[in-house]
Structures are given as structure tokens and as C-alpha cells.
């Protein structure tokens, strides 16, 4: 897989492409090989996708999450 275009996104500090178990498939920048952060993000997606958090009859699974880092300490996952 070619993900070189991700390194060209303006103002990005890094990226992670994760497998379903949180393993790093591809990474770059400050997030290069950050397995620990990958595990944290996987847990966040798992919690967001749990049906008991927001039960509905026609609930769609989480298909996409985006993050924005505003400072060196703060990262927001949307």
C-alpha cells in the first residue's frame, strides 16, 4: 500500500494506519511505529462502537475517526 501522500498533508505531525487489533500497518512523522498509541486508539474506537453506549435499532458501526492535534499535549479524536 502506498501512503506517501499522507506525509504531504500540511501541518500534520504524524499518522498511523492501524489493523483491527491496533497494530501499526503504516506510520510516519512523530507517530512512527507508535504501537502503544495504536493500542489506545483501537480501544477508543472499540468503546465508541460498543452498542450499549448508544443503543438504537438501526445503529451503524463507526466507519471513520479523525484526529486533530492542537498542542504538543492535546490530541482530539473525532
PDB file of N, CA and C in Angstrom:
ATOM      1  N   UNK A   1       0.839  -1.185   0.000  1.00  0.00           N
ATOM      2  CA  UNK A   1       0.000   0.000   0.000  1.00  0.00           C
ATOM      3  C   UNK A   1       0.881   1.245   0.000  1.00  0.00           C
ATOM      4  N   UNK A   2       0.483   2.207  -0.786  1.00  0.00           N
ATOM      5  CA  UNK A   2       1.225   3.460  -0.860  1.00  0.00           C
ATOM      6  C   UNK A   2       0.504   4.523  -0.043  1.00  0.00           C
ATOM      7  N   UNK A   3       1.177   5.042   0.958  1.00  0.00           N
ATOM      8  CA  UNK A   3       0.584   6.065   1.813  1.00  0.00           C
ATOM      9  C   UNK A   3       1.474   7.303   1.879  1.00  0.00           C
ATOM     10  N   UNK A   4       2.366   7.461   0.922  1.00  0.00           N
ATOM     11  CA  UNK A   4       3.276   8.595   0.914  1.00  0.00           C
ATOM     12  C   UNK A   4       2.576   9.939   0.871  1.00  0.00           C
ATOM     13  N   UNK A   5       1.374   9.977   0.295  1.00  0.00           N
ATOM     14  CA  UNK A   5       0.627  11.232   0.211  1.00  0.00           C
ATOM     15  C   UNK A   5       0.283  11.755   1.600  1.00  0.00           C
ATOM     16  N   UNK A   6       0.192  10.870   2.600  1.00  0.00           N
ATOM     17  CA  UNK A   6      -0.147  11.320   3.950  1.00  0.00           C
ATOM     18  C   UNK A   6       0.942  12.204   4.540  1.00  0.00           C
ATOM     19  N   UNK A   7       2.174  11.954   4.151  1.00  0.00           N
ATOM     20  CA  UNK A   7       3.277  12.756   4.664  1.00  0.00           C
ATOM     21  C   UNK A   7       3.272  14.168   4.086  1.00  0.00           C
ATOM     22  N   UNK A   8       2.489  14.397   3.040  1.00  0.00           N
ATOM     23  CA  UNK A   8       2.436  15.710   2.397  1.00  0.00           C
ATOM     24  C   UNK A   8       1.270  16.566   2.876  1.00  0.00           C
ATOM     25  N   UNK A   9       0.468  16.080   3.820  1.00  0.00           N
ATOM     26  CA  UNK A   9      -0.661  16.855   4.343  1.00  0.00           C
ATOM     27  C   UNK A   9      -0.100  18.025   5.145  1.00  0.00           C
ATOM     28  N   UNK A  10      -0.523  19.262   4.837  1.00  0.00           N
ATOM     29  CA  UNK A  10       0.018  20.432   5.537  1.00  0.00           C
ATOM     30  C   UNK A  10      -0.210  20.363   7.047  1.00  0.00           C
ATOM     31  N   UNK A  11       0.793  20.742   7.802  1.00  0.00           N
ATOM     32  CA  UNK A  11       0.744  20.873   9.261  1.00  0.00           C
ATOM     33  C   UNK A  11       0.525  19.567  10.017  1.00  0.00           C
ATOM     34  N   UNK A  12       0.576  18.423   9.363  1.00  0.00           N
ATOM     35  CA  UNK A  12       0.425  17.175  10.107  1.00  0.00           C
ATOM     36  C   UNK A  12       1.748  16.851  10.789  1.00  0.00           C
ATOM     37  N   UNK A  13       1.658  16.260  11.978  1.00  0.00           N
ATOM     38  CA  UNK A  13       2.862  15.897  12.718  1.00  0.00           C
ATOM     39  C   UNK A  13       3.157  14.407  12.631  1.00  0.00           C
ATOM     40  N   UNK A  14       2.191  13.631  12.176  1.00  0.00           N
ATOM     41  CA  UNK A  14       2.391  12.205  12.031  1.00  0.00           C
ATOM     42  C   UNK A  14       1.082  11.517  11.702  1.00  0.00           C
ATOM     43  N   UNK A  15       1.189  10.241  11.324  1.00  0.00           N
ATOM     44  CA  UNK A  15      -0.015   9.472  11.027  1.00  0.00           C
ATOM     45  C   UNK A  15       0.205   8.015  11.408  1.00  0.00           C
ATOM     46  N   UNK A  16      -0.898   7.335  11.687  1.00  0.00           N
ATOM     47  CA  UNK A  16      -0.904   5.901  11.955  1.00  0.00           C
ATOM     48  C   UNK A  16      -2.006   5.261  11.137  1.00  0.00           C
ATOM     49  N   UNK A  17      -1.695   4.170  10.480  1.00  0.00           N
ATOM     50  CA  UNK A  17      -2.708   3.323   9.855  1.00  0.00           C
ATOM     51  C   UNK A  17      -2.649   2.020  10.631  1.00  0.00           C
ATOM     52  N   UNK A  18      -3.796   1.654  11.234  1.00  0.00           N
ATOM     53  CA  UNK A  18      -3.824   0.547  12.176  1.00  0.00           C
ATOM     54  C   UNK A  18      -4.607  -0.643  11.652  1.00  0.00           C
ATOM     55  N   UNK A  19      -4.222  -1.825  12.100  1.00  0.00           N
ATOM     56  CA  UNK A  19      -5.020  -3.023  11.851  1.00  0.00           C
ATOM     57  C   UNK A  19      -6.138  -3.069  12.886  1.00  0.00           C
ATOM     58  N   UNK A  20      -7.041  -4.017  12.752  1.00  0.00           N
ATOM     59  CA  UNK A  20      -8.176  -4.096  13.671  1.00  0.00           C
ATOM     60  C   UNK A  20      -7.757  -4.408  15.105  1.00  0.00           C
ATOM     61  N   UNK A  21      -6.555  -4.966  15.303  1.00  0.00           N
ATOM     62  CA  UNK A  21      -6.095  -5.250  16.664  1.00  0.00           C
ATOM     63  C   UNK A  21      -5.204  -4.141  17.219  1.00  0.00           C
ATOM     64  N   UNK A  22      -5.088  -3.011  16.506  1.00  0.00           N
ATOM     65  CA  UNK A  22      -4.304  -1.876  16.979  1.00  0.00           C
ATOM     66  C   UNK A  22      -2.855  -1.904  16.540  1.00  0.00           C
ATOM     67  N   UNK A  23      -2.451  -2.919  15.778  1.00  0.00           N
ATOM     68  CA  UNK A  23      -1.083  -2.984  15.275  1.00  0.00           C
ATOM     69  C   UNK A  23      -0.851  -1.947  14.184  1.00  0.00           C
ATOM     70  N   UNK A  24       0.361  -1.434  14.117  1.00  0.00           N
ATOM     71  CA  UNK A  24       0.695  -0.403  13.134  1.00  0.00           C
ATOM     72  C   UNK A  24       0.963  -1.056  11.781  1.00  0.00           C
ATOM     73  N   UNK A  25       0.169  -0.685  10.775  1.00  0.00           N
ATOM     74  CA  UNK A  25       0.376  -1.142   9.404  1.00  0.00           C
ATOM     75  C   UNK A  25       1.333  -0.194   8.703  1.00  0.00           C
ATOM     76  N   UNK A  26       1.112   1.099   8.906  1.00  0.00           N
ATOM     77  CA  UNK A  26       1.957   2.128   8.317  1.00  0.00           C
ATOM     78  C   UNK A  26       1.959   3.324   9.254  1.00  0.00           C
ATOM     79  N   UNK A  27       3.065   4.059   9.273  1.00  0.00           N
ATOM     80  CA  UNK A  27       3.159   5.217  10.158  1.00  0.00           C
ATOM     81  C   UNK A  27       4.203   6.182   9.632  1.00  0.00           C
ATOM     82  N   UNK A  28       4.173   7.386  10.168  1.00  0.00           N
ATOM     83  CA  UNK A  28       5.150   8.379   9.769  1.00  0.00           C
ATOM     84  C   UNK A  28       5.179   9.541  10.738  1.00  0.00           C
ATOM     85  N   UNK A  29       6.197  10.368  10.605  1.00  0.00           N
ATOM     86  CA  UNK A  29       6.328  11.544  11.456  1.00  0.00           C
ATOM     87  C   UNK A  29       6.529  11.175  12.918  1.00  0.00           C
ATOM     88  N   UNK A  30       5.966  11.990  13.820  1.00  0.00           N
ATOM     89  CA  UNK A  30       6.124  11.762  15.254  1.00  0.00           C
ATOM     90  C   UNK A  30       5.405  10.508  15.744  1.00  0.00           C
ATOM     91  N   UNK A  31       4.542   9.932  14.927  1.00  0.00           N
ATOM     92  CA  UNK A  31       3.817   8.718  15.318  1.00  0.00           C
ATOM     93  C   UNK A  31       4.432   7.452  14.723  1.00  0.00           C
ATOM     94  N   UNK A  32       5.630   7.561  14.177  1.00  0.00           N
ATOM     95  CA  UNK A  32       6.313   6.422  13.564  1.00  0.00           C
ATOM     96  C   UNK A  32       6.437   5.265  14.555  1.00  0.00           C
ATOM     97  N   UNK A  33       5.875   4.113  14.202  1.00  0.00           N
ATOM     98  CA  UNK A  33       5.949   2.875  14.990  1.00  0.00           C
ATOM     99  C   UNK A  33       5.438   3.017  16.421  1.00  0.00           C
ATOM    100  N   UNK A  34       4.455   3.849  16.640  1.00  0.00           N
ATOM    101  CA  UNK A  34       3.895   4.050  17.982  1.00  0.00           C
ATOM    102  C   UNK A  34       2.819   3.006  18.275  1.00  0.00           C
ATOM    103  N   UNK A  35       3.240   1.781  18.548  1.00  0.00           N
ATOM    104  CA  UNK A  35       2.315   0.681  18.851  1.00  0.00           C
ATOM    105  C   UNK A  35       1.447   1.007  20.064  1.00  0.00           C
ATOM    106  N   UNK A  36       2.017   1.663  21.068  1.00  0.00           N
ATOM    107  CA  UNK A  36       1.264   1.994  22.281  1.00  0.00           C
ATOM    108  C   UNK A  36       0.099   2.916  21.956  1.00  0.00           C
ATOM    109  N   UNK A  37       0.345   3.946  21.167  1.00  0.00           N
ATOM    110  CA  UNK A  37      -0.720   4.872  20.778  1.00  0.00           C
ATOM    111  C   UNK A  37      -1.735   4.157  19.892  1.00  0.00           C
ATOM    112  N   UNK A  38      -1.268   3.264  19.035  1.00  0.00           N
ATOM    113  CA  UNK A  38      -2.184   2.469  18.216  1.00  0.00           C
ATOM    114  C   UNK A  38      -3.142   1.657  19.070  1.00  0.00           C
ATOM    115  N   UNK A  39      -2.634   1.076  20.149  1.00  0.00           N
ATOM    116  CA  UNK A  39      -3.490   0.325  21.066  1.00  0.00           C
ATOM    117  C   UNK A  39      -4.509   1.216  21.752  1.00  0.00           C
ATOM    118  N   UNK A  40      -4.100   2.422  22.125  1.00  0.00           N
ATOM    119  CA  UNK A  40      -5.017   3.376  22.763  1.00  0.00           C
ATOM    120  C   UNK A  40      -6.122   3.772  21.793  1.00  0.00           C
ATOM    121  N   UNK A  41      -5.756   4.065  20.553  1.00  0.00           N
ATOM    122  CA  UNK A  41      -6.755   4.461  19.553  1.00  0.00           C
ATOM    123  C   UNK A  41      -7.709   3.301  19.270  1.00  0.00           C
ATOM    124  N   UNK A  42      -7.189   2.067  19.200  1.00  0.00           N
ATOM    125  CA  UNK A  42      -8.050   0.905  18.990  1.00  0.00           C
ATOM    126  C   UNK A  42      -9.068   0.776  20.112  1.00  0.00           C
ATOM    127  N   UNK A  43      -8.637   1.002  21.343  1.00  0.00           N
ATOM    128  CA  UNK A  43      -9.559   0.940  22.484  1.00  0.00           C
ATOM    129  C   UNK A  43     -10.613   2.038  22.398  1.00  0.00           C
ATOM    130  N   UNK A  44     -10.215   3.235  21.933  1.00  0.00           N
ATOM    131  CA  UNK A  44     -11.175   4.330  21.776  1.00  0.00           C
ATOM    132  C   UNK A  44     -12.233   3.973  20.736  1.00  0.00           C
ATOM    133  N   UNK A  45     -11.801   3.401  19.617  1.00  0.00           N
ATOM    134  CA  UNK A  45     -12.749   3.002  18.572  1.00  0.00           C
ATOM    135  C   UNK A  45     -13.661   1.902  19.101  1.00  0.00           C
ATOM    136  N   UNK A  46     -13.094   0.942  19.820  1.00  0.00           N
ATOM    137  CA  UNK A  46     -13.898  -0.140  20.390  1.00  0.00           C
ATOM    138  C   UNK A  46     -14.973   0.420  21.325  1.00  0.00           C
ATOM    139  N   UNK A  47     -14.587   1.344  22.200  1.00  0.00           N
ATOM    140  CA  UNK A  47     -15.558   1.941  23.127  1.00  0.00           C
ATOM    141  C   UNK A  47     -16.616   2.739  22.378  1.00  0.00           C
ATOM    142  N   UNK A  48     -16.217   3.483  21.358  1.00  0.00           N
ATOM    143  CA  UNK A  48     -17.178   4.280  20.586  1.00  0.00           C
ATOM    144  C   UNK A  48     -18.140   3.391  19.813  1.00  0.00           C
ATOM    145  N   UNK A  49     -17.712   2.188  19.481  1.00  0.00           N
ATOM    146  CA  UNK A  49     -18.519   1.289  18.660  1.00  0.00           C
ATOM    147  C   UNK A  49     -19.352   0.305  19.488  1.00  0.00           C
ATOM    148  N   UNK A  50     -19.207   0.327  20.805  1.00  0.00           N
ATOM    149  CA  UNK A  50     -19.973  -0.601  21.647  1.00  0.00           C
ATOM    150  C   UNK A  50     -21.451  -0.251  21.584  1.00  0.00           C
ATOM    151  N   UNK A  51     -22.261  -1.230  21.310  1.00  0.00           N
ATOM    152  CA  UNK A  51     -23.692  -0.969  21.123  1.00  0.00           C
ATOM    153  C   UNK A  51     -24.387  -0.538  22.402  1.00  0.00           C
ATOM    154  N   UNK A  52     -23.843  -0.870  23.567  1.00  0.00           N
ATOM    155  CA  UNK A  52     -24.520  -0.488  24.798  1.00  0.00           C
ATOM    156  C   UNK A  52     -24.280   0.972  25.175  1.00  0.00           C
ATOM    157  N   UNK A  53     -23.356   1.669  24.527  1.00  0.00           N
ATOM    158  CA  UNK A  53     -23.139   3.086  24.832  1.00  0.00           C
ATOM    159  C   UNK A  53     -24.233   3.957  24.239  1.00  0.00           C
ATOM    160  N   UNK A  54     -24.646   3.672  23.018  1.00  0.00           N
ATOM    161  CA  UNK A  54     -25.684   4.444  22.343  1.00  0.00           C
ATOM    162  C   UNK A  54     -26.619   3.482  21.619  1.00  0.00           C
ATOM    163  N   UNK A  55     -27.458   2.766  22.353  1.00  0.00           N
ATOM    164  CA  UNK A  55     -28.301   1.768  21.688  1.00  0.00           C
ATOM    165  C   UNK A  55     -29.375   2.397  20.809  1.00  0.00           C
ATOM    166  N   UNK A  56     -29.478   1.911  19.583  1.00  0.00           N
ATOM    167  CA  UNK A  56     -30.544   2.285  18.655  1.00  0.00           C
ATOM    168  C   UNK A  56     -30.883   1.062  17.822  1.00  0.00           C
ATOM    169  N   UNK A  57     -32.015   1.099  17.159  1.00  0.00           N
ATOM    170  CA  UNK A  57     -32.421  -0.044  16.335  1.00  0.00           C
ATOM    171  C   UNK A  57     -31.636  -0.138  15.037  1.00  0.00           C
ATOM    172  N   UNK A  58     -31.264   0.990  14.464  1.00  0.00           N
ATOM    173  CA  UNK A  58     -30.587   0.990  13.162  1.00  0.00           C
ATOM    174  C   UNK A  58     -29.198   1.605  13.272  1.00  0.00           C
ATOM    175  N   UNK A  59     -28.457   1.230  14.264  1.00  0.00           N
ATOM    176  CA  UNK A  59     -27.156   1.820  14.558  1.00  0.00           C
ATOM    177  C   UNK A  59     -26.101   1.360  13.547  1.00  0.00           C
ATOM    178  N   UNK A  60     -25.403   2.311  12.961  1.00  0.00           N
ATOM    179  CA  UNK A  60     -24.301   1.998  12.053  1.00  0.00           C
ATOM    180  C   UNK A  60     -23.007   1.906  12.857  1.00  0.00           C
ATOM    181  N   UNK A  61     -22.085   1.032  12.463  1.00  0.00           N
ATOM    182  CA  UNK A  61     -20.800   0.966  13.152  1.00  0.00           C
ATOM    183  C   UNK A  61     -19.954   2.199  12.831  1.00  0.00           C
ATOM    184  N   UNK A  62     -18.944   2.440  13.645  1.00  0.00           N
ATOM    185  CA  UNK A  62     -18.021   3.542  13.389  1.00  0.00           C
ATOM    186  C   UNK A  62     -17.231   3.197  12.137  1.00  0.00           C
ATOM    187  N   UNK A  63     -17.286   4.050  11.130  1.00  0.00           N
ATOM    188  CA  UNK A  63     -16.557   3.814   9.890  1.00  0.00           C
ATOM    189  C   UNK A  63     -15.300   4.659   9.784  1.00  0.00           C
ATOM    190  N   UNK A  64     -15.277   5.799  10.486  1.00  0.00           N
ATOM    191  CA  UNK A  64     -14.143   6.693  10.336  1.00  0.00           C
ATOM    192  C   UNK A  64     -13.996   7.553  11.577  1.00  0.00           C
ATOM    193  N   UNK A  65     -12.772   7.743  12.020  1.00  0.00           N
ATOM    194  CA  UNK A  65     -12.472   8.667  13.109  1.00  0.00           C
ATOM    195  C   UNK A  65     -11.340   9.557  12.628  1.00  0.00           C
ATOM    196  N   UNK A  66     -11.410  10.820  12.948  1.00  0.00           N
ATOM    197  CA  UNK A  66     -10.359  11.769  12.589  1.00  0.00           C
ATOM    198  C   UNK A  66      -9.801  12.379  13.858  1.00  0.00           C
ATOM    199  N   UNK A  67      -8.555  12.791  13.805  1.00  0.00           N
ATOM    200  CA  UNK A  67      -7.968  13.440  14.976  1.00  0.00           C
ATOM    201  C   UNK A  67      -7.336  14.755  14.575  1.00  0.00           C
ATOM    202  N   UNK A  68      -7.269  15.649  15.529  1.00  0.00           N
ATOM    203  CA  UNK A  68      -6.638  16.945  15.323  1.00  0.00           C
ATOM    204  C   UNK A  68      -5.826  17.250  16.558  1.00  0.00           C
ATOM    205  N   UNK A  69      -4.578  17.538  16.385  1.00  0.00           N
ATOM    206  CA  UNK A  69      -3.703  17.875  17.497  1.00  0.00           C
ATOM    207  C   UNK A  69      -3.548  19.388  17.529  1.00  0.00           C
ATOM    208  N   UNK A  70      -3.921  19.988  18.664  1.00  0.00           N
ATOM    209  CA  UNK A  70      -3.866  21.440  18.788  1.00  0.00           C
ATOM    210  C   UNK A  70      -2.599  21.917  19.481  1.00  0.00           C
ATOM    211  N   UNK A  71      -2.074  21.146  20.401  1.00  0.00           N
ATOM    212  CA  UNK A  71      -0.816  21.483  21.068  1.00  0.00           C
ATOM    213  C   UNK A  71      -0.002  20.205  21.182  1.00  0.00           C
ATOM    214  N   UNK A  72       1.189  20.318  21.721  1.00  0.00           N
ATOM    215  CA  UNK A  72       2.034  19.142  21.889  1.00  0.00           C
ATOM    216  C   UNK A  72       1.411  18.130  22.850  1.00  0.00           C
ATOM    217  N   UNK A  73       0.525  18.578  23.752  1.00  0.00           N
ATOM    218  CA  UNK A  73      -0.084  17.684  24.733  1.00  0.00           C
ATOM    219  C   UNK A  73      -1.471  17.207  24.340  1.00  0.00           C
ATOM    220  N   UNK A  74      -2.195  17.976  23.559  1.00  0.00           N
ATOM    221  CA  UNK A  74      -3.604  17.698  23.299  1.00  0.00           C
ATOM    222  C   UNK A  74      -3.825  17.120  21.910  1.00  0.00           C
ATOM    223  N   UNK A  75      -4.486  15.977  21.855  1.00  0.00           N
ATOM    224  CA  UNK A  75      -4.898  15.390  20.593  1.00  0.00           C
ATOM    225  C   UNK A  75      -6.382  15.083  20.705  1.00  0.00           C
ATOM    226  N   UNK A  76      -7.140  15.465  19.715  1.00  0.00           N
ATOM    227  CA  UNK A  76      -8.571  15.239  19.727  1.00  0.00           C
ATOM    228  C   UNK A  76      -8.925  14.231  18.648  1.00  0.00           C
ATOM    229  N   UNK A  77      -9.621  13.188  19.031  1.00  0.00           N
ATOM    230  CA  UNK A  77     -10.090  12.165  18.105  1.00  0.00           C
ATOM    231  C   UNK A  77     -11.565  12.417  17.875  1.00  0.00           C
ATOM    232  N   UNK A  78     -11.967  12.571  16.630  1.00  0.00           N
ATOM    233  CA  UNK A  78     -13.362  12.843  16.292  1.00  0.00           C
ATOM    234  C   UNK A  78     -13.949  11.673  15.549  1.00  0.00           C
TER     235      UNK A  78
END
